[in-house]
Protein backbone atom coordinates (compact mmCIF):
# COMPACT_ATOMS: atom_id res chain seq x y z
CA MET A 1 216.65 117.73 102.88
CA ILE A 2 215.68 116.59 106.37
CA THR A 3 216.82 118.87 109.15
CA LYS A 4 217.88 117.64 112.54
CA SER A 5 215.16 118.01 115.14
CA PRO A 6 215.93 120.15 118.17
CA ILE A 7 217.22 118.51 121.34
CA ILE A 8 214.78 118.91 124.21
CA THR A 9 215.96 118.23 127.73
CA GLN A 10 212.84 119.17 129.67
CA SER A 11 209.12 119.10 129.03
CA PRO A 12 206.46 121.35 130.58
CA VAL A 13 205.12 120.20 133.95
CA LEU A 14 201.40 119.67 134.53
CA THR A 15 200.19 122.17 137.10
CA LYS A 16 197.13 120.17 138.12
CA PRO A 17 197.79 116.44 137.95
CA GLU A 18 194.81 114.34 136.91
CA ARG A 19 194.03 110.67 137.29
CA GLY A 20 195.99 108.69 134.73
CA SER A 21 198.70 111.36 134.35
CA VAL A 22 202.40 111.11 135.16
CA ILE A 23 204.85 113.79 136.35
CA VAL A 24 208.53 112.95 136.82
CA GLU A 25 210.97 115.44 138.31
CA VAL A 26 214.13 113.59 139.34
CA ASP A 27 217.33 115.48 140.16
CA HIS A 28 219.29 112.24 140.39
CA TYR A 29 219.08 108.57 141.29
CA LYS A 30 221.97 106.20 141.97
CA TYR A 31 221.66 102.50 142.79
CA SER A 32 223.24 101.33 146.03
CA ASN A 33 226.97 100.64 145.55
CA ALA A 34 226.86 102.19 142.05
CA VAL A 35 229.64 104.57 141.08
CA ALA A 36 227.62 107.01 138.96
CA ASP A 37 224.04 108.26 138.76
CA THR A 38 221.71 106.18 136.59
CA LEU A 39 219.22 109.05 136.28
CA LYS A 40 220.18 112.71 136.28
CA GLY A 41 217.96 115.70 135.55
CA LEU A 42 215.10 113.50 134.36
CA ASN A 43 211.99 115.61 133.79
CA PHE A 44 208.91 114.78 131.75
CA SER A 45 205.13 114.73 131.98
CA ILE A 46 202.49 112.51 130.39
CA SER A 47 198.80 113.35 130.13
CA LYS A 48 195.96 110.91 130.74
CA GLY A 49 195.34 108.65 127.76
CA GLU A 50 198.64 109.33 125.98
CA PHE A 51 200.58 106.52 124.29
CA ILE A 52 204.28 107.21 124.93
CA GLY A 53 207.30 105.34 123.55
CA LEU A 54 210.52 105.33 125.57
CA MET A 55 213.60 104.63 123.45
CA GLY A 56 217.39 104.84 123.60
CA ARG A 57 220.51 102.74 123.92
CA THR A 58 220.84 99.84 126.31
CA GLY A 59 221.91 101.37 129.63
CA ALA A 60 220.35 104.77 128.91
CA GLY A 61 218.07 104.47 131.95
CA LYS A 62 214.79 103.28 130.41
CA THR A 63 214.10 100.42 132.84
CA THR A 64 215.10 102.53 135.83
CA SER A 65 212.79 105.33 134.68
CA LEU A 66 209.85 102.94 134.39
CA MET A 67 210.44 101.54 137.88
CA LEU A 68 209.89 105.05 139.25
CA LEU A 69 206.25 104.94 138.23
CA ASN A 70 205.02 102.17 140.52
CA GLY A 71 207.32 102.88 143.44
CA LEU A 72 209.90 100.11 142.96
CA ILE A 73 212.23 103.10 143.10
CA PRO A 74 212.76 104.27 145.80
CA HIS A 75 210.92 101.67 147.99
CA PHE A 76 212.47 98.43 146.71
CA PHE A 77 215.62 99.71 144.99
CA GLU A 78 216.39 102.30 147.64
CA GLY A 79 219.64 103.89 146.46
CA ASP A 80 220.28 107.64 146.50
CA PHE A 81 217.10 109.34 145.28
CA LYS A 82 216.26 113.01 145.05
CA GLY A 83 213.13 114.09 143.26
CA LYS A 84 209.38 113.68 142.98
CA VAL A 85 207.20 111.32 140.97
CA LEU A 86 203.41 111.68 140.70
CA ALA A 87 201.55 108.78 139.06
CA ASN A 88 197.77 108.77 138.94
CA THR A 89 197.88 111.82 141.31
CA MET A 90 199.79 109.75 143.92
CA ASN A 91 203.24 110.70 145.16
CA THR A 92 205.07 107.39 144.76
CA GLN A 93 207.27 108.10 147.80
CA ARG A 94 204.23 108.27 150.09
CA TYR A 95 202.37 105.15 148.93
CA ARG A 96 203.29 101.50 149.26
CA ILE A 97 204.08 99.50 146.14
CA GLN A 98 201.06 97.29 146.87
CA THR A 99 198.76 100.32 146.74
CA LEU A 100 200.34 101.77 143.62
CA ALA A 101 200.09 98.40 141.85
CA ARG A 102 196.30 98.62 141.96
CA PHE A 103 196.36 101.59 139.59
CA ILE A 104 199.73 101.33 137.84
CA GLY A 105 200.49 98.06 136.10
CA LEU A 106 204.13 97.21 135.33
CA VAL A 107 205.17 94.54 132.83
CA MET A 108 208.86 93.90 133.48
CA GLN A 109 211.49 92.94 130.94
CA ASP A 110 212.19 89.57 132.58
CA THR A 111 208.83 87.87 132.24
CA GLU A 112 209.66 84.87 134.40
CA THR A 113 209.94 87.06 137.51
CA GLN A 114 206.23 87.86 137.13
CA ILE A 115 204.85 84.35 136.56
CA PHE A 116 203.55 82.71 139.74
CA GLY A 117 200.81 80.27 138.76
CA ILE A 118 201.23 76.63 137.80
CA THR A 119 198.69 77.00 134.99
CA VAL A 120 197.94 79.93 132.72
CA GLU A 121 194.53 80.70 134.22
CA LYS A 122 195.85 80.55 137.79
CA ASP A 123 198.66 82.93 136.92
CA VAL A 124 196.33 85.53 135.39
CA ALA A 125 193.98 85.18 138.37
CA PHE A 126 196.80 85.89 140.84
CA GLY A 127 196.55 89.70 140.65
CA PRO A 128 192.76 90.15 140.88
CA SER A 129 192.62 87.49 143.61
CA ASN A 130 194.97 89.60 145.72
CA LEU A 131 192.69 92.56 145.10
CA ARG A 132 189.86 90.45 146.63
CA TYR A 133 187.68 90.42 143.54
CA GLY A 134 184.79 87.95 143.51
CA LYS A 135 185.09 84.61 141.72
CA GLU A 136 182.80 85.61 138.86
CA LYS A 137 184.67 88.86 138.34
CA ILE A 138 188.04 87.03 138.37
CA HIS A 139 186.79 84.44 135.87
CA GLU A 140 185.53 87.22 133.60
CA LEU A 141 188.83 89.15 133.80
CA VAL A 142 190.94 86.02 133.15
CA GLY A 143 188.99 85.18 130.00
CA LYS A 144 188.98 88.77 128.77
CA SER A 145 192.72 89.27 129.37
CA LEU A 146 193.77 85.99 127.76
CA LYS A 147 191.65 86.76 124.71
CA ALA A 148 193.23 90.21 124.44
CA VAL A 149 196.76 88.77 124.24
CA GLY A 150 195.88 85.83 121.99
CA LEU A 151 196.03 83.08 124.61
CA SER A 152 192.41 81.92 124.64
CA GLY A 153 192.39 78.15 124.96
CA TYR A 154 195.62 78.12 126.96
CA GLU A 155 193.87 78.24 130.35
CA LYS A 156 194.97 74.75 131.48
CA ARG A 157 198.47 74.89 129.96
CA ILE A 158 201.42 74.50 132.35
CA THR A 159 203.28 77.84 132.46
CA THR A 160 206.73 76.20 132.37
CA GLU A 161 205.86 74.62 129.02
CA LEU A 162 205.18 77.96 127.33
CA SER A 163 207.60 79.48 124.85
CA GLY A 164 209.38 82.74 125.66
CA GLY A 165 206.92 84.73 123.58
CA GLU A 166 203.91 83.00 125.13
CA LYS A 167 205.27 83.83 128.59
CA GLN A 168 205.51 87.47 127.52
CA ARG A 169 201.86 87.45 126.48
CA LEU A 170 200.92 85.77 129.76
CA THR A 171 202.68 88.45 131.80
CA ILE A 172 200.80 91.19 129.96
CA ALA A 173 197.50 89.36 130.55
CA GLY A 174 198.24 89.13 134.27
CA VAL A 175 198.69 92.89 134.51
CA LEU A 176 195.66 93.65 132.31
CA ALA A 177 193.48 91.55 134.64
CA MET A 178 194.00 94.17 137.39
CA GLU A 179 192.51 96.88 135.14
CA PRO A 180 195.24 99.52 135.64
CA GLU A 181 194.73 103.18 134.78
CA ILE A 182 198.39 103.54 133.83
CA LEU A 183 200.10 100.67 132.02
CA VAL A 184 203.90 100.62 132.04
CA LEU A 185 205.66 98.05 129.83
CA ASP A 186 209.40 97.40 129.72
CA GLU A 187 210.25 95.81 126.36
CA PRO A 188 207.10 93.63 126.42
CA THR A 189 207.52 92.39 122.83
CA SER A 190 211.24 91.56 122.78
CA GLU A 191 210.55 87.81 122.42
CA LEU A 192 207.49 88.04 120.19
CA ASP A 193 207.26 87.32 116.47
CA PRO A 194 206.43 90.29 114.17
CA GLU A 195 202.73 89.42 114.06
CA GLY A 196 202.65 89.06 117.83
CA ARG A 197 204.34 92.45 118.29
CA LEU A 198 201.74 94.07 116.07
CA GLU A 199 198.90 92.41 118.00
CA ILE A 200 200.23 93.73 121.32
CA TYR A 201 200.55 97.29 120.00
CA LYS A 202 197.02 97.10 118.57
CA LEU A 203 195.80 95.87 121.96
CA LEU A 204 197.51 98.77 123.74
CA SER A 205 196.11 101.22 121.23
CA SER A 206 192.55 99.96 121.81
CA LEU A 207 193.01 100.14 125.60
CA ARG A 208 194.07 103.75 125.23
CA LYS A 209 191.12 104.64 122.99
CA GLU A 210 188.36 102.67 124.72
CA ASN A 211 189.35 103.01 128.39
CA GLU A 212 191.65 106.06 128.31
CA VAL A 213 194.47 103.97 129.76
CA THR A 214 197.77 105.84 129.78
CA ILE A 215 200.46 103.74 128.06
CA ILE A 216 204.22 104.06 128.55
CA ILE A 217 206.24 101.45 126.68
CA SER A 218 209.98 101.02 126.23
CA GLY A 219 211.52 98.98 123.43
CA HIS A 220 213.41 98.82 120.16
CA ASP A 221 210.35 98.26 117.93
CA SER A 222 210.88 101.09 115.46
CA GLU A 223 208.05 100.32 113.03
CA GLU A 224 205.48 99.81 115.79
CA MET A 225 206.63 102.89 117.73
CA LEU A 226 206.25 104.93 114.55
CA GLN A 227 202.78 103.58 113.83
CA PHE A 228 201.16 103.58 117.27
CA THR A 229 202.71 106.02 119.73
CA ASP A 230 201.74 109.69 120.15
CA LYS A 231 205.18 110.79 121.25
CA ILE A 232 208.69 109.38 121.60
CA LEU A 233 210.95 110.17 124.56
CA VAL A 234 214.62 109.35 123.90
CA LEU A 235 216.90 108.76 126.89
CA GLU A 236 220.65 109.25 126.97
CA HIS A 237 222.72 108.95 130.16
CA GLY A 238 219.64 109.00 132.36
CA SER A 239 217.89 112.09 131.01
CA ILE A 240 215.64 113.03 128.10
CA CYS A 241 217.77 114.10 125.14
CA TRP A 242 214.97 114.31 122.55
CA GLN A 243 211.21 114.17 122.42
CA GLY A 244 208.67 114.68 119.71
CA LYS A 245 206.38 113.05 117.16
CA PRO A 246 207.49 109.59 115.96
CA GLY A 247 207.46 110.72 112.32
CA GLU A 248 209.96 113.49 113.09
CA LEU A 249 212.42 111.01 114.58
CA PHE A 250 212.16 108.16 112.09
CA SER A 251 212.22 110.35 109.00
CA ASP A 252 215.78 111.36 109.93
CA VAL A 253 218.01 108.26 109.69
CA LYS A 254 221.15 109.98 110.97
CA LEU A 255 219.36 111.40 113.98
CA THR A 256 217.79 108.02 114.76
CA GLU A 257 221.12 106.22 114.56
CA SER A 258 222.83 108.89 116.68
CA PHE A 259 220.60 107.79 119.57
CA GLY A 260 221.41 104.09 119.01
CA ILE A 261 217.91 103.46 117.63
CA ARG A 262 217.28 101.23 114.61
CA PRO A 263 215.87 103.17 111.65
CA THR A 264 212.90 101.65 109.86
CA GLU A 265 213.69 99.83 106.62
CA VAL A 266 211.46 102.25 104.70
CA SER A 267 213.40 105.26 105.97
CA GLU A 268 216.74 103.58 105.24
CA ILE A 269 215.72 102.74 101.67
CA ARG A 270 214.52 106.29 101.12
CA ASP A 271 217.73 107.67 102.67
CA HIS A 272 219.98 105.55 100.42
CA LEU A 273 218.08 106.59 97.31
CA SER A 274 218.18 110.25 98.31
CA SER A 275 221.80 110.46 99.53
CA ASN A 276 223.13 108.73 96.41
CA GLY A 277 221.36 111.14 94.12
CA GLN A 278 218.96 108.63 92.62
CA LYS A 279 216.06 111.09 92.70
CA GLU A 280 215.81 114.78 93.45
CA ASN A 281 213.39 116.07 96.10
CA LEU A 282 212.48 112.60 97.28
CA PRO A 283 209.58 113.07 99.73
CA VAL A 284 209.55 111.82 103.30
CA CYS A 285 208.16 108.27 103.33
CA ASN A 286 207.24 106.72 106.67
CA SER A 287 205.19 103.78 105.39
CA ILE A 288 205.48 100.99 102.85
CA ASP A 289 202.47 102.34 100.95
CA GLN A 290 204.05 105.79 100.57
CA LEU A 291 207.38 104.39 99.38
CA VAL A 292 205.85 101.90 96.93
CA GLU A 293 203.62 104.61 95.44
CA TYR A 294 206.57 106.95 94.98
CA ILE A 295 208.87 104.28 93.46
CA SER A 296 206.19 102.93 91.11
CA GLN A 297 205.58 106.42 89.72
CA SER A 298 209.20 107.58 89.60
CA TYR A 299 211.14 104.61 88.18
CA CYS A 300 210.98 103.13 84.69
CA PHE A 301 209.08 99.88 85.15
CA LYS A 302 207.42 97.78 82.51
CA PRO A 303 204.28 96.14 83.96
CA SER A 304 204.74 92.38 84.23
CA SER A 305 202.12 89.65 84.35
CA ASN A 306 204.63 86.92 85.25
CA LEU A 307 204.86 87.10 89.03
CA ALA A 308 205.77 83.46 89.61
CA LEU A 309 208.95 82.57 91.44
CA ASN A 310 211.78 81.85 89.04
CA SER A 311 214.22 79.48 90.70
CA THR A 312 217.01 80.41 88.29
CA ALA A 313 216.82 84.00 89.49
CA ILE A 314 217.40 82.96 93.07
CA LYS A 315 220.95 82.43 94.25
CA ASN A 316 221.85 78.85 94.99
CA SER A 317 222.89 78.50 98.62
CA SER A 318 222.93 74.72 98.60
CA GLN A 319 225.68 73.08 100.63
CA SER A 320 224.72 69.57 99.52
CA ASP A 321 228.31 68.70 98.64
CA ARG A 322 229.29 69.07 102.31
CA PRO A 323 228.81 66.48 105.07
CA VAL A 324 225.46 66.27 106.86
CA VAL A 325 225.98 67.28 110.49
CA ILE A 326 222.32 67.33 111.61
CA LYS A 327 219.64 64.95 110.42
CA ALA A 328 216.06 64.53 111.68
CA VAL A 329 213.98 61.56 110.56
CA ASP A 330 210.24 61.50 111.31
CA LEU A 331 210.91 63.49 114.51
CA ASN A 332 207.91 63.85 116.82
CA PHE A 333 207.80 65.30 120.32
CA LEU A 334 205.01 65.57 122.90
CA TYR A 335 205.22 67.52 126.14
CA THR A 336 203.81 66.06 129.35
CA SER A 337 200.60 68.02 128.77
CA SER A 338 200.13 65.80 125.66
CA LYS A 339 200.48 68.83 123.41
CA SER A 340 202.20 67.80 120.19
CA ALA A 341 205.10 70.25 119.79
CA LEU A 342 206.81 68.59 116.78
CA ARG A 343 205.21 66.50 114.05
CA ASN A 344 207.10 64.49 111.44
CA ILE A 345 210.18 66.70 111.10
CA ASN A 346 212.50 65.55 108.31
CA LEU A 347 215.52 67.64 107.35
CA GLU A 348 219.26 67.67 106.82
CA ILE A 349 221.66 70.48 107.70
CA HIS A 350 225.11 70.48 106.14
CA LYS A 351 228.44 71.52 107.62
CA GLY A 352 229.06 75.27 107.37
CA GLU A 353 225.48 76.39 106.78
CA PHE A 354 224.04 79.51 108.43
CA VAL A 355 220.41 78.61 109.06
CA ALA A 356 217.70 80.89 110.43
CA LEU A 357 214.83 79.09 112.17
CA ILE A 358 211.75 81.31 112.07
CA GLY A 359 208.05 81.05 112.89
CA LYS A 360 205.53 82.41 115.34
CA ASN A 361 205.86 81.84 119.08
CA GLY A 362 205.12 78.21 119.96
CA ALA A 363 205.72 76.97 116.40
CA GLY A 364 208.33 74.42 117.55
CA LYS A 365 211.66 76.17 116.81
CA THR A 366 213.16 75.95 120.29
CA THR A 367 211.69 72.49 120.92
CA PHE A 368 213.40 71.21 117.77
CA SER A 369 216.70 72.88 118.68
CA LYS A 370 216.77 71.38 122.17
CA HIS A 371 216.91 67.93 120.57
CA LEU A 372 220.26 68.79 119.02
CA ASN A 373 222.17 68.76 122.32
CA GLY A 374 220.03 66.19 124.14
CA LEU A 375 218.05 68.56 126.37
CA LEU A 376 214.99 66.90 124.84
CA ARG A 377 214.70 63.39 123.39
CA PRO A 378 212.31 62.34 120.59
CA SER A 379 208.94 60.93 121.55
CA PHE A 380 209.05 59.21 118.15
CA GLY A 381 211.58 59.29 115.33
CA ASP A 382 215.32 59.98 115.35
CA VAL A 383 217.88 62.77 115.42
CA PHE A 384 221.45 62.25 114.24
CA ILE A 385 224.41 64.53 115.07
CA ASN A 386 227.45 63.85 112.89
CA GLY A 387 225.98 60.45 112.10
CA ARG A 388 225.31 59.40 115.70
CA ASN A 389 221.76 58.84 116.95
CA ILE A 390 221.24 61.06 120.03
CA LYS A 391 219.40 58.17 121.69
CA THR A 392 222.78 56.49 122.16
CA VAL A 393 224.74 59.62 123.20
CA SER A 394 224.70 61.36 126.59
CA THR A 395 223.98 65.09 126.89
CA SER A 396 227.52 65.68 128.15
CA GLU A 397 228.94 63.99 125.04
CA LEU A 398 226.65 65.97 122.74
CA SER A 399 227.81 69.21 124.40
CA LYS A 400 231.24 68.62 122.84
CA GLU A 401 229.69 68.78 119.38
CA VAL A 402 226.73 71.14 119.79
CA GLY A 403 226.96 74.43 121.68
CA TYR A 404 223.63 75.87 122.80
CA VAL A 405 223.08 79.50 123.83
CA PHE A 406 219.74 79.83 125.62
CA GLN A 407 217.17 82.51 124.85
CA ASN A 408 217.65 83.71 128.43
CA PRO A 409 221.41 83.70 129.15
CA ASP A 410 220.72 83.69 132.89
CA HIS A 411 219.61 80.06 132.55
CA GLN A 412 223.21 79.01 131.93
CA ILE A 413 225.25 81.48 133.98
CA PHE A 414 226.17 80.51 137.56
CA SER A 415 229.82 81.37 138.30
CA SER A 416 231.10 84.37 140.25
CA THR A 417 233.35 85.81 137.52
CA LEU A 418 233.34 85.86 133.72
CA TRP A 419 236.62 83.94 133.69
CA ASP A 420 235.25 81.15 135.92
CA GLU A 421 232.09 80.94 133.83
CA VAL A 422 233.97 80.35 130.58
CA GLU A 423 236.47 77.99 132.23
CA TYR A 424 233.85 75.79 133.92
CA GLY A 425 233.01 73.64 130.90
CA LEU A 426 236.68 73.21 130.01
CA LYS A 427 237.44 71.85 133.46
CA ASN A 428 234.70 69.26 133.03
CA LEU A 429 236.27 68.23 129.74
CA GLY A 430 239.61 67.66 131.48
CA ILE A 431 241.43 70.34 129.48
CA SER A 432 244.88 71.19 130.87
CA GLU A 433 245.36 74.45 132.77
CA ASN A 434 247.53 76.06 130.08
CA ASP A 435 245.07 75.18 127.33
CA ARG A 436 242.20 76.45 129.49
CA LYS A 437 243.87 79.83 129.92
CA THR A 438 244.42 80.15 126.19
CA ARG A 439 240.88 79.14 125.26
CA VAL A 440 239.20 81.33 127.90
CA MET A 441 241.15 84.43 126.90
CA GLU A 442 240.55 83.83 123.18
CA ALA A 443 236.81 83.36 123.75
CA LEU A 444 236.46 86.47 125.94
CA LYS A 445 238.51 88.51 123.48
CA PHE A 446 236.39 87.31 120.56
CA VAL A 447 233.18 88.61 122.19
CA GLY A 448 234.86 91.77 123.48
CA LEU A 449 234.69 90.99 127.21
CA GLU A 450 238.36 90.36 128.02
CA GLU A 451 238.65 93.57 130.08
CA LEU A 452 235.77 92.43 132.30
CA LYS A 453 237.06 88.95 133.08
CA GLU A 454 237.03 89.47 136.87
CA ARG A 455 233.53 91.01 136.99
CA HIS A 456 230.52 89.14 138.34
CA PRO A 457 228.30 88.16 135.39
CA PHE A 458 225.17 89.65 136.93
CA THR A 459 226.74 93.10 137.10
CA LEU A 460 226.61 93.09 133.28
CA GLY A 461 223.71 94.14 131.06
CA LYS A 462 221.66 91.44 129.37
CA GLY A 463 223.39 92.00 126.02
CA GLU A 464 226.79 91.44 127.61
CA ARG A 465 225.50 88.36 129.44
CA GLN A 466 224.39 86.99 126.06
CA LYS A 467 227.92 87.53 124.76
CA LEU A 468 229.28 85.74 127.83
CA ALA A 469 227.01 82.78 127.11
CA VAL A 470 228.38 82.71 123.56
CA ALA A 471 231.95 82.82 124.94
CA THR A 472 231.33 79.76 127.13
CA ILE A 473 230.31 77.83 124.04
CA LEU A 474 233.16 79.15 121.89
CA ALA A 475 235.71 77.97 124.44
CA MET A 476 234.34 74.44 124.08
CA GLU A 477 235.21 74.64 120.35
CA THR A 478 232.02 72.95 119.19
CA GLU A 479 231.46 72.73 115.44
CA ILE A 480 227.71 73.38 115.69
CA LEU A 481 226.34 76.50 117.40
CA VAL A 482 222.66 76.90 118.22
CA ILE A 483 221.76 80.43 119.37
CA ASP A 484 218.21 81.08 120.54
CA GLU A 485 217.15 84.69 119.88
CA PRO A 486 220.68 86.17 119.83
CA THR A 487 219.50 89.80 119.70
CA THR A 488 216.61 89.77 122.19
CA GLY A 489 216.44 93.02 124.15
CA GLN A 490 219.52 94.51 122.50
CA ASP A 491 219.65 97.99 121.03
CA TRP A 492 220.53 98.49 117.37
CA GLU A 493 224.26 98.85 118.01
CA GLY A 494 224.31 95.72 120.19
CA THR A 495 222.29 93.83 117.58
CA LYS A 496 224.77 94.69 114.83
CA ARG A 497 227.72 93.69 117.05
CA MET A 498 226.10 90.34 117.88
CA MET A 499 225.33 89.55 114.25
CA THR A 500 228.83 90.59 113.15
CA MET A 501 230.21 88.19 115.75
CA MET A 502 228.00 85.36 114.43
CA GLU A 503 229.09 86.15 110.88
CA LYS A 504 232.73 85.86 111.96
CA LEU A 505 231.99 82.48 113.55
CA HIS A 506 230.33 81.33 110.35
CA LYS A 507 233.36 82.36 108.30
CA ARG A 508 235.54 80.36 110.69
CA GLY A 509 233.63 77.25 109.59
CA HIS A 510 231.02 76.84 112.33
CA THR A 511 227.56 75.59 111.43
CA ILE A 512 225.15 78.21 112.79
CA LEU A 513 221.49 77.75 113.69
CA ALA A 514 219.90 81.01 114.82
CA ILE A 515 216.36 81.05 116.17
CA THR A 516 215.07 84.54 115.50
CA HIS A 517 212.00 86.72 115.11
CA ASN A 518 214.07 89.40 113.40
CA MET A 519 213.26 88.79 109.74
CA ARG A 520 215.65 91.52 108.60
CA LEU A 521 218.60 89.74 110.21
CA ALA A 522 217.47 86.38 108.83
CA ALA A 523 217.46 87.88 105.33
CA GLU A 524 220.82 89.63 105.68
CA TYR A 525 222.92 86.92 107.33
CA ALA A 526 221.43 83.46 106.78
CA ASN A 527 221.92 81.46 103.58
CA ARG A 528 218.99 79.21 104.46
CA VAL A 529 215.65 79.90 106.17
CA ILE A 530 213.44 77.22 107.71
CA VAL A 531 209.88 78.19 108.66
CA PHE A 532 208.09 76.31 111.45
CA ALA A 533 204.31 76.36 111.94
CA ASN A 534 202.27 74.20 114.32
CA GLY A 535 205.22 71.90 114.97
CA GLN A 536 205.96 71.28 111.28
CA ILE A 537 208.33 72.64 108.64
CA VAL A 538 206.31 74.51 106.03
CA LEU A 539 209.10 76.27 104.08
CA ASP A 540 212.80 75.60 103.63
CA GLY A 541 215.13 77.40 101.25
CA PRO A 542 217.25 80.50 100.59
CA PRO A 543 215.84 83.82 101.90
CA GLU A 544 215.14 85.06 98.36
CA GLU A 545 212.79 82.12 97.86
CA VAL A 546 211.19 81.78 101.29
CA PHE A 547 210.35 85.46 101.80
CA TYR A 548 208.44 85.62 98.51
CA GLU A 549 206.10 82.75 99.39
CA GLN A 550 203.46 85.22 100.50
CA GLU A 551 200.51 82.86 101.02
CA LYS A 552 202.48 80.22 102.93
CA LEU A 553 204.11 82.85 105.14
CA GLN A 554 200.74 84.38 105.92
CA LYS A 555 199.34 80.99 106.94
CA ALA A 556 202.39 80.50 109.18
CA SER A 557 201.85 83.98 110.72
CA VAL A 558 205.27 85.12 109.51
CA THR A 559 205.83 88.68 108.30
CA PRO A 560 208.71 89.03 105.78
CA PRO A 561 211.27 91.86 106.07
CA GLU A 562 209.99 95.16 104.68
CA SER A 563 212.47 95.05 101.78
CA ALA A 564 210.87 91.79 100.62
CA ILE A 565 207.35 93.18 101.08
CA ILE A 566 208.26 96.22 98.96
CA GLY A 567 210.04 94.05 96.39
CA ASN A 568 207.04 91.74 96.13
CA ARG A 569 204.67 94.64 95.53
CA LEU A 570 206.99 96.18 92.95
CA ARG A 571 207.04 92.94 90.95
CA SER A 572 203.62 93.84 89.59
CA TYR A 573 205.31 96.93 88.12
CA GLY A 574 208.11 94.93 86.52
CA LEU A 575 210.77 94.42 89.20
CA GLU A 576 212.49 91.22 88.06
CA ASP A 577 214.63 90.04 90.95
CA PHE A 578 213.74 88.90 94.48
CA PRO A 579 215.39 91.41 96.86
CA VAL A 580 215.09 90.66 100.57
CA THR A 581 217.63 93.19 101.88
CA ILE A 582 217.92 96.97 101.63
CA SER A 583 221.09 96.75 99.54
CA ALA A 584 219.57 94.29 97.06
CA LEU A 585 216.41 96.38 96.62
CA VAL A 586 218.33 99.63 96.14
CA ASP A 587 220.65 97.95 93.63
CA GLN A 588 217.62 96.85 91.63
CA LEU A 589 216.18 100.37 91.64
CA CYS A 590 219.59 101.70 90.62
CA GLN A 591 219.54 99.47 87.55
CA LYS A 592 216.09 100.76 86.66
CA SER A 593 217.35 104.34 86.73
CA HIS A 594 220.64 103.44 84.97
CA GLY A 595 222.62 104.93 87.83
CA GLU A 596 225.21 103.63 90.23
CA ILE A 597 224.76 103.23 93.92
CA ASN A 598 226.74 101.76 96.76
CA VAL A 599 224.94 100.61 99.91
CA ASN A 600 227.19 99.52 102.75
């Protein structure tokens, strides 16, 4: 049985700070005009060369804590501050932000606030140019940094044409080019695909090992935090509520969830098997290899040589008897840089489907989706919405049929209150005042924001602003909803609430297209998965089929959910079905042990 790890509120303080170390001793910090303290009794220390993960619920104080380290607090966000922060031996209250930035690199959560250059190479060169490096040195650093984040060959690309994930990589490259001794990253992988996330963590790990760079990273990446960090600091209400080795945290599912952190799939599978009495003395498993080895030795499998996909074993999610609401015919699109973003897209989406669009950053998912409401128009080919060619329909007309929630909700929020924001589109449609009131209140209530209707949108957290963006579309009562990365930057509780809301919309009859890098959510909620790679569709089918096409997924740089990876490996031991979710995998194992199990 796993015991709950002790709560630690304070860590020992370094007596002699060294270059690359961090000491934080903050009695309290409150933003100007805020009612309550954001940080209170925050104390921790980090040694040179450590790789630290900062985790916790949205609003726990992670971003605020990171802004202490390069002087943004208290110099830029002045507020009410009492305490001391030493970073790289420098007292951050006594040095200017410009000086601190030379040694302490900060990658902020909102990548677009850190992109200044017109082209990729000019943006990466911005930092070292301000440090007065020579041209040869700058050129060397630009090439080295772009290669490190996987953007070699992008030097001449226009920054505004990059995908959200590519912009995230660019921001990291820009900070790396200044060769910081302490690297602070605020959710730097929130918009990256699984393979991209892994690449960034591997990059950070090598920086730590080769150059003794101190790494502090916040995020919700449970698997990567477990694999790469030395220590996890968990924040709650602005102070450290737990700290310790990653394995201690993630081996205890209940403890992890109590902090609003997503457990790993491996730990959840192990927990379900253990708590339902499937096996006695089930060992702690923190990796896929450990769990597969245990299951293969402990359950009654008959080795199978037939590993081919069996279409009859896969549930039929076809909606072909329903009307086609979206149709693309030979769709091609080229950006102004002449980069081909879409090539010969042909597909039909039927009324009432829940479709997950997946693929690595820059694969064409968002570019395709922006054709559905007229934000982009085909370079060649055609797109039909409810039978009408978008070439003959204005964007305003398409907005009545297709609701689009942007990856960054701030791109579509501009009113001074939540109520005004949701009502704005209805006024443009000429909806009567009484009907507007009804629709606005219903939409705000549906997303759980009715009590905040008079608040300014930008006083909300990003997760709540995403819900507001959804509410503005719901009020328009469009049949088709396109939501770009609905769970970006949200904690586990917020992610589950968002997906539950989308599931409710689907049950109400809406056609849902969700662009996502969260393969677990794609497997659990979508009845159809479409994989994009290099501007083309390479796979299209139910999750149970798509996530077992191992070779094609690998070529598309797509990593399946861990349940599917485990299920695929267990097929060589005789597992017969194609589980892609935790519940489906555990049910299969239950049948092998002739027991009964209930996974909620």
